[in-house]
Amino acid sequence: MRTETLRAGEREYLLLGVVKGLKCEYDAVLKSLGEFGPDAVCVGISPEEVEGLIHYLKEPFEYDVSDYEVIYARHLSRFGEVFLPPPAYVAAVRYAVDRGVSIEPLDMDDEKYANAYVAAVSGWDLIRHSIRKRRLYRKKFRASTPEEVAILLDREIRKVRGYDMLEKTRERHMANHLLEVEGKRVAAVVEVERFEGVVKALREKISPSGLQGSNHPSPERETDSATESMVGEEVASQGEERPAEQPEGISEAGETGPRTEEKR
């Protein structure tokens, strides 16, 4: 997990960059939030997804798994157990609900995301994305941490121009929404793939004269910046494996079938 603290006047932000799906991130998020004591907890997912997680905490349900999530879990599983819904987000929502703290979704709602998707992603981008996604399943990445794996996978997808534009739009949206959240101590839990972009956008939004910031790598796994921490470029694996089977442990509740929507 990566962390960043920013201060703007009387308001202090704690940003946590988490690896989606990794089981150990659950305890790490709870610990960081408990030490920070936020007035508001923000999560880098949509309002609909936040509502779904609140309902999940009350009554767990079967979680549909997309093909990209199967690929993601396959590469991530060598670092530990992988579960869906993402334990880091479940921990953030549980913390807020248990303590009566405001819980805020940072990402776009489904309608805004659909509009942004249509505006950024062309038909050719869709074709390139589909081909690249199939290749990702049988690729191997020389990475020493789960954060590096997540970022390398994201980097592959963002080689398609439209998807790169879409993720940049999401990052700016999250940073803008953070500025609107009420409270003097605001915590935000976002996927590590969006972490650097959100931090950069938030820094640019805050007046430099009122800004103080510091990086605090997680004591369990200290890492450098996304661009400095990569061990090396990925190398293609042998064979023609296909994402036909779900990796063991990808979902606590089970799988009912792949979703048709794209990753976000």
Protein backbone atom coordinates (compact mmCIF):
# COMPACT_ATOMS: atom_id res chain seq x y z
CA MET A 1 0.00 0.00 0.00
CA ARG A 2 1.19 3.50 -0.81
CA THR A 3 0.31 6.55 1.24
CA GLU A 4 0.45 10.30 0.81
CA THR A 5 -0.56 13.09 3.17
CA LEU A 6 -1.44 16.56 1.91
CA ARG A 7 -2.42 19.62 3.89
CA ALA A 8 -4.42 22.56 2.60
CA GLY A 9 -5.07 25.20 5.24
CA GLU A 10 -6.88 23.47 8.11
CA ARG A 11 -7.74 20.41 6.05
CA GLU A 12 -5.55 17.31 5.95
CA TYR A 13 -5.82 14.55 3.35
CA LEU A 14 -4.62 10.97 3.72
CA LEU A 15 -4.52 9.13 0.39
CA LEU A 16 -4.06 5.36 0.33
CA GLY A 17 -3.09 3.60 -2.90
CA VAL A 18 -4.26 0.00 -2.56
CA VAL A 19 -4.01 -3.17 -4.61
CA LYS A 20 -7.55 -4.20 -5.45
CA GLY A 21 -8.40 -7.74 -4.50
CA LEU A 22 -5.39 -8.46 -2.29
CA LYS A 23 -6.67 -9.86 1.00
CA CYS A 24 -3.91 -8.40 3.19
CA GLU A 25 -4.93 -4.85 2.19
CA TYR A 26 -8.03 -5.19 4.38
CA ASP A 27 -6.10 -4.99 7.66
CA ALA A 28 -3.67 -2.40 6.26
CA VAL A 29 -6.54 -0.04 5.37
CA LEU A 30 -8.27 -0.47 8.73
CA LYS A 31 -5.01 0.25 10.54
CA SER A 32 -4.24 3.39 8.53
CA LEU A 33 -7.76 4.77 8.91
CA GLY A 34 -7.75 4.02 12.63
CA GLU A 35 -4.47 5.89 13.12
CA PHE A 36 -5.60 8.87 11.01
CA GLY A 37 -9.10 9.21 12.46
CA PRO A 38 -10.88 10.74 9.44
CA ASP A 39 -14.02 12.87 9.48
CA ALA A 40 -14.86 11.46 6.04
CA VAL A 41 -13.78 8.33 4.16
CA CYS A 42 -13.67 8.48 0.36
CA VAL A 43 -13.43 5.45 -1.91
CA GLY A 44 -12.30 5.53 -5.54
CA ILE A 45 -15.39 3.74 -6.86
CA SER A 46 -18.78 4.85 -8.15
CA PRO A 47 -21.81 5.77 -6.01
CA GLU A 48 -23.53 2.60 -7.24
CA GLU A 49 -20.58 0.47 -6.15
CA VAL A 50 -20.49 2.11 -2.71
CA GLU A 51 -24.18 1.33 -2.26
CA GLY A 52 -23.47 -2.23 -3.34
CA LEU A 53 -20.71 -2.62 -0.73
CA ILE A 54 -22.92 -1.22 2.03
CA HIS A 55 -25.54 -3.80 1.08
CA TYR A 56 -22.84 -6.50 0.88
CA LEU A 57 -21.80 -5.81 4.47
CA LYS A 58 -25.39 -6.30 5.62
CA GLU A 59 -26.10 -9.34 3.46
CA PRO A 60 -23.25 -10.86 1.39
CA PHE A 61 -24.22 -11.77 -2.14
CA GLU A 62 -22.62 -13.48 -5.12
CA TYR A 63 -20.19 -11.22 -6.96
CA ASP A 64 -20.01 -11.39 -10.74
CA VAL A 65 -16.44 -11.56 -12.06
CA SER A 66 -15.35 -9.95 -15.32
CA ASP A 67 -12.75 -11.42 -17.65
CA TYR A 68 -10.28 -8.65 -16.77
CA GLU A 69 -10.68 -9.43 -13.06
CA VAL A 70 -9.82 -13.06 -13.81
CA ILE A 71 -6.64 -11.91 -15.58
CA TYR A 72 -5.85 -9.49 -12.76
CA ALA A 73 -6.29 -12.18 -10.11
CA ARG A 74 -4.13 -14.66 -12.01
CA HIS A 75 -1.15 -12.30 -12.00
CA LEU A 76 -1.73 -11.04 -8.48
CA SER A 77 -2.28 -14.39 -6.78
CA ARG A 78 1.45 -15.11 -6.43
CA PHE A 79 1.58 -12.36 -3.79
CA GLY A 80 -1.28 -13.69 -1.67
CA GLU A 81 -4.96 -14.53 -1.60
CA VAL A 82 -7.20 -12.57 -3.93
CA PHE A 83 -10.86 -11.83 -3.18
CA LEU A 84 -13.79 -9.91 -4.59
CA PRO A 85 -15.25 -7.48 -3.69
CA PRO A 86 -11.84 -5.82 -3.15
CA PRO A 87 -10.98 -6.19 0.57
CA ALA A 88 -9.46 -2.69 0.72
CA TYR A 89 -12.76 -1.10 -0.33
CA VAL A 90 -14.77 -3.37 1.97
CA ALA A 91 -12.53 -2.28 4.86
CA ALA A 92 -12.99 1.42 4.06
CA VAL A 93 -16.78 1.13 3.87
CA ARG A 94 -16.92 -1.01 7.02
CA TYR A 95 -14.80 1.52 8.93
CA ALA A 96 -17.11 4.37 7.94
CA VAL A 97 -20.34 2.47 8.61
CA ASP A 98 -19.21 1.13 12.00
CA ARG A 99 -18.14 4.58 13.22
CA GLY A 100 -20.90 6.64 11.65
CA VAL A 101 -18.38 8.48 9.49
CA SER A 102 -19.37 9.93 6.13
CA ILE A 103 -18.57 7.62 3.21
CA GLU A 104 -18.04 9.32 -0.16
CA PRO A 105 -17.67 7.73 -3.62
CA LEU A 106 -14.96 9.50 -5.61
CA ASP A 107 -15.49 7.99 -9.04
CA MET A 108 -18.10 8.97 -11.62
CA ASP A 109 -21.58 7.52 -11.44
CA ASP A 110 -22.59 5.02 -14.13
CA GLU A 111 -24.13 7.63 -16.42
CA LYS A 112 -21.16 9.99 -16.31
CA TYR A 113 -18.75 7.10 -16.80
CA ALA A 114 -20.69 5.87 -19.81
CA ASN A 115 -20.57 9.36 -21.36
CA ALA A 116 -16.84 9.66 -20.66
CA TYR A 117 -16.26 6.21 -22.12
CA VAL A 118 -18.08 7.02 -25.34
CA ALA A 119 -16.24 10.33 -25.66
CA ALA A 120 -12.78 8.80 -25.19
CA VAL A 121 -12.89 5.28 -26.62
CA SER A 122 -13.23 4.76 -30.38
CA GLY A 123 -14.24 1.61 -32.22
CA TRP A 124 -10.61 0.97 -33.12
CA ASP A 125 -9.66 1.39 -29.46
CA LEU A 126 -12.20 -1.31 -28.57
CA ILE A 127 -10.60 -3.73 -31.04
CA ARG A 128 -7.08 -3.01 -29.82
CA HIS A 129 -8.23 -3.32 -26.20
CA SER A 130 -9.83 -6.71 -26.84
CA ILE A 131 -6.68 -8.06 -28.50
CA ARG A 132 -4.38 -6.65 -25.80
CA LYS A 133 -6.57 -8.04 -23.01
CA ARG A 134 -6.33 -11.57 -24.42
CA ARG A 135 -2.55 -11.29 -24.60
CA LEU A 136 -2.35 -10.09 -21.01
CA TYR A 137 -3.54 -13.42 -19.67
CA ARG A 138 -0.45 -15.28 -20.89
CA LYS A 139 2.09 -12.52 -20.20
CA LYS A 140 4.49 -12.63 -17.29
CA PHE A 141 5.75 -9.54 -15.49
CA ARG A 142 9.09 -9.19 -13.77
CA ALA A 143 7.80 -7.42 -10.69
CA SER A 144 8.75 -7.77 -7.04
CA THR A 145 5.60 -6.30 -5.46
CA PRO A 146 1.86 -6.55 -6.09
CA GLU A 147 1.78 -2.78 -6.66
CA GLU A 148 4.13 -3.20 -9.60
CA VAL A 149 1.98 -5.95 -11.08
CA ALA A 150 -1.16 -3.80 -10.86
CA ILE A 151 0.59 -0.81 -12.43
CA LEU A 152 2.17 -2.87 -15.22
CA LEU A 153 -1.20 -4.39 -16.11
CA ASP A 154 -2.78 -0.94 -16.14
CA ARG A 155 0.07 0.42 -18.23
CA GLU A 156 -0.58 -2.25 -20.87
CA ILE A 157 -4.26 -1.29 -21.11
CA ARG A 158 -3.39 2.42 -21.25
CA LYS A 159 -1.22 1.89 -24.31
CA VAL A 160 -4.56 2.14 -26.10
CA ARG A 161 -5.00 5.91 -26.41
CA GLY A 162 -8.71 6.08 -25.64
CA TYR A 163 -8.36 4.11 -22.42
CA ASP A 164 -5.47 6.31 -21.33
CA MET A 165 -7.67 9.39 -21.84
CA LEU A 166 -10.49 7.73 -19.91
CA GLU A 167 -8.32 6.94 -16.87
CA LYS A 168 -6.92 10.48 -16.82
CA THR A 169 -10.49 11.77 -16.81
CA ARG A 170 -11.28 9.53 -13.83
CA GLU A 171 -8.22 10.77 -11.94
CA ARG A 172 -9.16 14.42 -12.42
CA HIS A 173 -12.75 13.68 -11.40
CA MET A 174 -11.59 12.02 -8.17
CA ALA A 175 -9.27 14.91 -7.31
CA ASN A 176 -12.01 17.47 -7.96
CA HIS A 177 -14.46 15.54 -5.81
CA LEU A 178 -11.96 15.32 -2.96
CA LEU A 179 -11.94 19.11 -2.76
CA GLU A 180 -15.72 19.10 -2.30
CA VAL A 181 -15.79 16.62 0.59
CA GLU A 182 -16.54 18.21 3.95
CA GLY A 183 -14.32 17.59 6.96
CA LYS A 184 -10.95 18.63 8.35
CA ARG A 185 -9.46 15.13 8.10
CA VAL A 186 -10.33 13.39 4.84
CA ALA A 187 -9.10 9.91 3.91
CA ALA A 188 -9.25 8.52 0.38
CA VAL A 189 -8.78 4.89 -0.65
CA VAL A 190 -8.04 4.52 -4.37
CA GLU A 191 -6.59 1.78 -6.54
CA VAL A 192 -2.81 2.04 -6.77
CA GLU A 193 -3.09 2.40 -10.56
CA ARG A 194 -4.86 5.76 -10.11
CA PHE A 195 -2.91 6.85 -7.02
CA GLU A 196 -0.14 8.90 -8.65
CA GLY A 197 -2.58 10.59 -11.02
CA VAL A 198 -5.01 11.54 -8.27
CA VAL A 199 -2.23 12.86 -6.02
CA LYS A 200 -0.78 14.92 -8.88
CA ALA A 201 -4.17 16.36 -9.84
CA LEU A 202 -4.99 17.19 -6.23
CA ARG A 203 -1.64 18.93 -5.75
CA GLU A 204 -2.33 21.05 -8.82
CA LYS A 205 -5.76 22.03 -7.48
CA ILE A 206 -4.50 23.14 -4.09
CA SER A 207 -2.73 26.48 -3.75
CA PRO A 208 1.02 25.83 -3.37
CA SER A 209 1.20 28.35 -0.51
CA GLY A 210 -1.26 26.29 1.53
CA LEU A 211 0.04 22.87 0.65
CA GLN A 212 2.27 20.54 2.59
CA GLY A 213 2.79 16.93 1.65
CA SER A 214 4.79 13.85 2.49
CA ASN A 215 5.13 10.31 1.28
CA HIS A 216 4.80 7.49 3.78
CA PRO A 217 5.41 4.03 2.26
CA SER A 218 3.70 1.21 4.06
CA PRO A 219 6.03 -0.37 6.65
CA GLU A 220 5.12 -3.82 5.34
CA ARG A 221 6.22 -3.09 1.75
CA GLU A 222 8.21 0.05 1.07
CA THR A 223 8.18 1.03 -2.61
CA ASP A 224 9.45 3.88 -4.73
CA SER A 225 7.39 5.84 -7.23
CA ALA A 226 5.51 3.98 -9.97
CA THR A 227 8.08 4.83 -12.61
CA GLU A 228 11.13 4.07 -10.44
CA SER A 229 9.97 0.85 -8.81
CA MET A 230 9.54 -1.34 -11.86
CA VAL A 231 11.99 -4.22 -11.83
CA GLY A 232 11.90 -4.60 -15.59
CA GLU A 233 9.76 -4.89 -18.67
CA GLU A 234 7.39 -7.81 -18.93
CA VAL A 235 8.36 -10.91 -20.92
CA ALA A 236 5.97 -13.14 -22.80
CA SER A 237 5.33 -16.54 -21.29
CA GLN A 238 5.28 -19.78 -23.25
CA GLY A 239 2.09 -21.53 -24.29
CA GLU A 240 -1.36 -20.38 -25.28
CA GLU A 241 -3.26 -20.27 -22.03
CA ARG A 242 -6.73 -18.81 -22.17
CA PRO A 243 -8.76 -17.23 -19.35
CA ALA A 244 -11.14 -20.16 -19.23
CA GLU A 245 -10.98 -20.90 -15.52
CA GLN A 246 -11.35 -18.65 -12.51
CA PRO A 247 -8.30 -18.64 -10.20
CA GLU A 248 -9.04 -20.14 -6.84
CA GLY A 249 -10.00 -17.61 -4.22
CA ILE A 250 -10.99 -14.79 -6.55
CA SER A 251 -14.36 -14.35 -4.88
CA GLU A 252 -15.55 -15.04 -1.36
CA ALA A 253 -19.14 -15.31 -2.53
CA GLY A 254 -18.62 -17.22 -5.78
CA GLU A 255 -19.05 -16.44 -9.48
CA THR A 256 -22.29 -16.24 -11.39
CA GLY A 257 -20.81 -15.35 -14.77
CA PRO A 258 -18.71 -12.68 -16.53
CA ARG A 259 -19.89 -9.09 -16.72
CA THR A 260 -20.08 -7.31 -20.04
CA GLU A 261 -18.92 -3.89 -18.87
CA GLU A 262 -15.30 -2.84 -19.16
CA LYS A 263 -12.87 -2.49 -16.30
CA ARG A 264 -12.78 0.67 -14.29
